[in-house]
C-alpha atoms as a PDB file:
ATOM      1  CA  MET A   1       0.380   0.027  -0.284  1.00  0.00           C
ATOM      2  CA  GLY A   2       1.813   3.608  -1.109  1.00  0.00           C
ATOM      3  CA  GLN A   3       2.281   6.492   0.800  1.00  0.00           C
ATOM      4  CA  GLY A   4      -0.117   8.509  -1.166  1.00  0.00           C
ATOM      5  CA  SER A   5      -2.519   5.620  -1.364  1.00  0.00           C
ATOM      6  CA  LYS A   6      -6.578   5.969  -1.055  1.00  0.00           C
ATOM      7  CA  ALA A   7      -9.471   4.058  -1.362  1.00  0.00           C
ATOM      8  CA  THR A   8     -11.920   4.880  -3.756  1.00  0.00           C
ATOM      9  CA  ILE A   9     -15.154   5.492  -2.692  1.00  0.00           C
ATOM     10  CA  LYS A  10     -18.417   5.853  -5.346  1.00  0.00           C
ATOM     11  CA  SER A  11     -20.970   8.439  -5.061  1.00  0.00           C
ATOM     12  CA  GLU A  12     -23.320   6.566  -6.937  1.00  0.00           C
ATOM     13  CA  ASP A  13     -25.803   6.171  -5.635  1.00  0.00           C
ATOM     14  CA  PRO A  14     -25.484   1.286  -4.979  1.00  0.00           C
ATOM     15  CA  LEU A  15     -29.272   0.989  -4.998  1.00  0.00           C
ATOM     16  CA  LYS A  16     -28.670   1.218  -9.376  1.00  0.00           C
ATOM     17  CA  TYR A  17     -26.144  -1.874  -9.018  1.00  0.00           C
ATOM     18  CA  PHE A  18     -27.388  -4.117  -5.691  1.00  0.00           C
ATOM     19  CA  THR A  19     -31.303  -4.877  -4.626  1.00  0.00           C
ATOM     20  CA  LEU A  20     -30.679  -5.414  -0.799  1.00  0.00           C
ATOM     21  CA  GLN A  21     -32.370  -9.240   0.617  1.00  0.00           C
ATOM     22  CA  GLU A  22     -32.191 -10.068   3.700  1.00  0.00           C
ATOM     23  CA  LYS A  23     -30.629  -8.528   7.447  1.00  0.00           C
ATOM     24  CA  LEU A  24     -27.640 -10.835   7.496  1.00  0.00           C
ATOM     25  CA  GLY A  25     -26.416  -9.363  11.503  1.00  0.00           C
ATOM     26  CA  GLU A  26     -25.559  -6.722  13.020  1.00  0.00           C
ATOM     27  CA  GLY A  27     -23.065  -4.976  15.169  1.00  0.00           C
ATOM     28  CA  SER A  28     -21.513  -1.894  16.510  1.00  0.00           C
ATOM     29  CA  TYR A  29     -20.708  -0.446  13.185  1.00  0.00           C
ATOM     30  CA  GLY A  30     -23.268  -1.082  11.596  1.00  0.00           C
ATOM     31  CA  SER A  31     -25.282  -4.045   9.904  1.00  0.00           C
ATOM     32  CA  VAL A  32     -24.404  -6.364   6.474  1.00  0.00           C
ATOM     33  CA  TYR A  33     -27.392  -7.390   4.560  1.00  0.00           C
ATOM     34  CA  LYS A  34     -26.756  -9.658   1.870  1.00  0.00           C
ATOM     35  CA  ALA A  35     -27.469  -8.509  -1.357  1.00  0.00           C
ATOM     36  CA  ILE A  36     -27.586  -8.907  -5.489  1.00  0.00           C
ATOM     37  CA  ARG A  37     -25.470  -7.249  -7.739  1.00  0.00           C
ATOM     38  CA  ASN A  38     -27.598  -6.512 -10.715  1.00  0.00           C
ATOM     39  CA  SER A  39     -25.642  -6.998 -13.959  1.00  0.00           C
ATOM     40  CA  ASP A  40     -24.623 -10.906 -12.922  1.00  0.00           C
ATOM     41  CA  GLY A  41     -26.552 -11.958 -10.752  1.00  0.00           C
ATOM     42  CA  LEU A  42     -24.145 -12.474  -7.412  1.00  0.00           C
ATOM     43  CA  VAL A  43     -24.741 -12.926  -4.007  1.00  0.00           C
ATOM     44  CA  VAL A  44     -22.339 -10.530  -2.154  1.00  0.00           C
ATOM     45  CA  ALA A  45     -22.115  -8.728   1.737  1.00  0.00           C
ATOM     46  CA  ILE A  46     -22.818  -5.101   2.021  1.00  0.00           C
ATOM     47  CA  LYS A  47     -21.755  -3.513   5.245  1.00  0.00           C
ATOM     48  CA  GLN A  48     -23.642  -0.386   6.088  1.00  0.00           C
ATOM     49  CA  VAL A  49     -21.187   1.807   8.204  1.00  0.00           C
ATOM     50  CA  PRO A  50     -22.728   4.775   9.415  1.00  0.00           C
ATOM     51  CA  ILE A  51     -20.445   7.964   8.357  1.00  0.00           C
ATOM     52  CA  ASP A  52     -20.421   8.884  12.472  1.00  0.00           C
ATOM     53  CA  GLU A  53     -16.620   7.890  12.747  1.00  0.00           C
ATOM     54  CA  ASP A  54     -13.348   8.936  11.299  1.00  0.00           C
ATOM     55  CA  ILE A  55     -13.960   8.932   7.219  1.00  0.00           C
ATOM     56  CA  GLU A  56     -10.060   8.108   6.970  1.00  0.00           C
ATOM     57  CA  ASP A  57      -9.782   4.849   9.533  1.00  0.00           C
ATOM     58  CA  LEU A  58     -12.668   3.464   7.160  1.00  0.00           C
ATOM     59  CA  ARG A  59     -11.117   4.507   4.375  1.00  0.00           C
ATOM     60  CA  GLN A  60      -7.342   2.625   5.152  1.00  0.00           C
ATOM     61  CA  GLU A  61      -9.647  -0.622   6.486  1.00  0.00           C
ATOM     62  CA  ILE A  62     -11.421  -0.200   2.541  1.00  0.00           C
ATOM     63  CA  GLU A  63      -7.568   0.122   1.430  1.00  0.00           C
ATOM     64  CA  VAL A  64      -6.786  -2.726   3.965  1.00  0.00           C
ATOM     65  CA  MET A  65      -9.389  -4.752   2.007  1.00  0.00           C
ATOM     66  CA  LYS A  66      -8.242  -4.200  -1.064  1.00  0.00           C
ATOM     67  CA  GLU A  67      -5.027  -4.892  -1.218  1.00  0.00           C
ATOM     68  CA  CYS A  68      -6.202  -8.787   0.746  1.00  0.00           C
ATOM     69  CA  SER A  69      -5.762 -11.447  -1.636  1.00  0.00           C
ATOM     70  CA  SER A  70      -6.103 -15.168  -0.542  1.00  0.00           C
ATOM     71  CA  ASP A  71      -8.822 -17.460  -0.978  1.00  0.00           C
ATOM     72  CA  PHE A  72      -8.689 -17.238   2.364  1.00  0.00           C
ATOM     73  CA  ILE A  73     -10.843 -13.728   2.819  1.00  0.00           C
ATOM     74  CA  THR A  74     -13.255 -12.380   1.448  1.00  0.00           C
ATOM     75  CA  SER A  75     -13.778 -11.186  -1.761  1.00  0.00           C
ATOM     76  CA  TYR A  76     -13.565  -6.787  -1.842  1.00  0.00           C
ATOM     77  CA  TYR A  77     -15.660  -5.578  -4.378  1.00  0.00           C
ATOM     78  CA  GLY A  78     -15.909  -2.254  -3.979  1.00  0.00           C
ATOM     79  CA  THR A  79     -17.531   0.983  -1.803  1.00  0.00           C
ATOM     80  CA  TYR A  80     -20.126   3.334  -2.460  1.00  0.00           C
ATOM     81  CA  PHE A  81     -21.296   6.490  -0.266  1.00  0.00           C
ATOM     82  CA  LYS A  82     -24.638   6.292   0.068  1.00  0.00           C
ATOM     83  CA  GLY A  83     -26.375   9.629   0.661  1.00  0.00           C
ATOM     84  CA  VAL A  84     -24.284  11.833   3.280  1.00  0.00           C
ATOM     85  CA  GLU A  85     -24.632   9.736   5.899  1.00  0.00           C
ATOM     86  CA  GLU A  86     -23.365   5.853   4.638  1.00  0.00           C
ATOM     87  CA  ILE A  87     -21.178   3.721   3.627  1.00  0.00           C
ATOM     88  CA  TRP A  88     -21.712   0.820   1.689  1.00  0.00           C
ATOM     89  CA  ILE A  89     -18.532  -1.661   1.631  1.00  0.00           C
ATOM     90  CA  VAL A  90     -18.928  -5.008  -1.109  1.00  0.00           C
ATOM     91  CA  MET A  91     -17.696  -8.102   0.094  1.00  0.00           C
ATOM     92  CA  GLU A  92     -17.655 -11.594  -1.618  1.00  0.00           C
ATOM     93  CA  TYR A  93     -20.979 -13.841   0.022  1.00  0.00           C
ATOM     94  CA  CYS A  94     -19.919 -16.599   3.231  1.00  0.00           C
ATOM     95  CA  ALA A  95     -22.707 -18.632   3.440  1.00  0.00           C
ATOM     96  CA  ALA A  96     -21.629 -20.511   6.030  1.00  0.00           C
ATOM     97  CA  GLY A  97     -21.445 -17.118   8.023  1.00  0.00           C
ATOM     98  CA  SER A  98     -19.053 -14.697   9.913  1.00  0.00           C
ATOM     99  CA  LEU A  99     -15.974 -16.457  11.043  1.00  0.00           C
ATOM    100  CA  ALA A 100     -17.529 -16.272  14.458  1.00  0.00           C
ATOM    101  CA  ASP A 101     -20.582 -18.600  13.056  1.00  0.00           C
ATOM    102  CA  ILE A 102     -18.019 -21.086  12.039  1.00  0.00           C
ATOM    103  CA  MET A 103     -16.336 -21.323  15.237  1.00  0.00           C
ATOM    104  CA  CYS A 104     -19.356 -21.940  16.938  1.00  0.00           C
ATOM    105  CA  VAL A 105     -20.330 -24.364  14.908  1.00  0.00           C
ATOM    106  CA  LEU A 106     -17.366 -26.500  15.222  1.00  0.00           C
ATOM    107  CA  ASP A 107     -17.746 -25.537  19.086  1.00  0.00           C
ATOM    108  CA  ARG A 108     -14.080 -23.302  19.318  1.00  0.00           C
ATOM    109  CA  PRO A 109     -13.342 -20.350  20.979  1.00  0.00           C
END
């Protein structure tokens, strides 16, 4: 990740590109939804994060996700502003749930 590198956050309305399905979870960071990418029907996960925290911290988190590429890490597809109050982070959908869900099923700490 370069010194001057900045994560690009698209200003287009994400609802033009994605159709929200069901809510998968909620936490202090915001909510995660299952969604469909309209162009090809790909199932994705969308993390909706309120912009009440430092935007630079969010940009850094997004930049790290963009740089990570592994079969063991969910893929990052893009980021959108949803109005002026929310950022939508689009990621690969993991049907098995979160890592915490999987650990629970496997009965591991």
